[in-house]
Amino acid sequence: MALVDVHSEVTGKVWKLLIEIGAPVTPDDAIMVVESMKMEIPVSPESAGTLVAVLVAEGDSVEDGQVVARIEKT
């Protein structure tokens, strides 16, 4: 199976992690929420799969385009 990177779409702070490693995900699922300029932005994968890695922790700063998680595409 192919690994697919999940990117943050904004610069901000990881406010909350929502899904645990090993859980199935779809493009409709938010893996985490990034807070940017007092707005909560959900971070979702582009394709369905299994969440295999989360590369940030709650409270971490992230940049626009930064890889924040990886899924194994199904």
Protein backbone atom coordinates (compact mmCIF):
# COMPACT_ATOMS: atom_id res chain seq x y z
CA MET A 1 0.00 0.00 0.00
CA ALA A 2 1.08 3.56 -0.63
CA LEU A 3 1.76 6.11 2.09
CA VAL A 4 0.15 9.51 1.54
CA ASP A 5 1.18 12.71 3.33
CA VAL A 6 -1.45 14.91 4.97
CA HIS A 7 -0.59 18.64 4.91
CA SER A 8 -1.68 21.60 7.00
CA GLU A 9 -3.43 24.18 4.84
CA VAL A 10 -2.58 27.10 7.15
CA THR A 11 0.11 28.39 9.49
CA GLY A 12 -1.02 28.10 13.10
CA LYS A 13 -1.02 25.86 16.19
CA VAL A 14 -2.32 22.34 16.52
CA TRP A 15 -5.33 22.85 18.77
CA LYS A 16 -6.64 19.29 19.00
CA LEU A 17 -5.83 15.81 17.68
CA LEU A 18 -9.06 14.01 16.81
CA ILE A 19 -8.18 10.54 15.47
CA GLU A 20 -5.79 7.92 16.87
CA ILE A 21 -3.15 6.05 14.90
CA GLY A 22 -4.56 2.89 13.36
CA ALA A 23 -8.03 4.33 12.79
CA PRO A 24 -9.61 4.33 9.32
CA VAL A 25 -10.07 7.79 7.77
CA THR A 26 -11.86 9.27 4.77
CA PRO A 27 -11.62 12.70 3.13
CA ASP A 28 -14.64 13.71 5.24
CA ASP A 29 -12.79 13.02 8.52
CA ALA A 30 -10.79 15.70 10.33
CA ILE A 31 -7.58 14.23 11.73
CA MET A 32 -6.79 17.36 13.73
CA VAL A 33 -7.77 20.99 14.14
CA VAL A 34 -5.29 23.83 13.57
CA GLU A 35 -6.02 27.22 15.13
CA SER A 36 -5.03 30.17 12.96
CA MET A 37 -6.03 33.77 13.64
CA LYS A 38 -8.71 32.59 16.13
CA MET A 39 -10.26 30.30 13.50
CA GLU A 40 -10.37 26.50 13.82
CA ILE A 41 -9.30 24.83 10.57
CA PRO A 42 -9.84 21.05 10.22
CA VAL A 43 -7.07 19.01 8.59
CA SER A 44 -8.36 16.08 6.52
CA PRO A 45 -6.69 13.53 4.23
CA GLU A 46 -7.18 13.75 0.47
CA SER A 47 -8.01 10.05 0.20
CA ALA A 48 -9.31 7.18 2.33
CA GLY A 49 -6.97 4.96 4.28
CA THR A 50 -5.60 4.15 7.71
CA LEU A 51 -3.88 6.77 9.86
CA VAL A 52 -0.33 5.43 10.40
CA ALA A 53 1.55 8.47 11.75
CA VAL A 54 0.87 11.82 13.37
CA LEU A 55 3.96 14.02 13.09
CA VAL A 56 2.86 16.84 15.41
CA ALA A 57 1.45 17.15 18.93
CA GLU A 58 -1.22 19.38 20.43
CA GLY A 59 0.25 22.85 20.94
CA ASP A 60 2.88 22.49 18.17
CA SER A 61 3.24 25.27 15.62
CA VAL A 62 2.76 24.24 11.99
CA GLU A 63 3.42 25.98 8.70
CA ASP A 64 1.27 26.13 5.58
CA GLY A 65 2.03 22.99 3.56
CA GLN A 66 3.79 21.16 6.41
CA VAL A 67 3.32 17.38 6.53
CA VAL A 68 1.42 16.72 9.78
CA ALA A 69 0.32 13.10 9.33
CA ARG A 70 0.56 10.08 7.04
CA ILE A 71 -2.06 7.60 5.93
CA GLU A 72 -1.77 4.24 4.26
CA LYS A 73 -4.03 4.52 1.24
CA THR A 74 -6.61 1.75 0.76
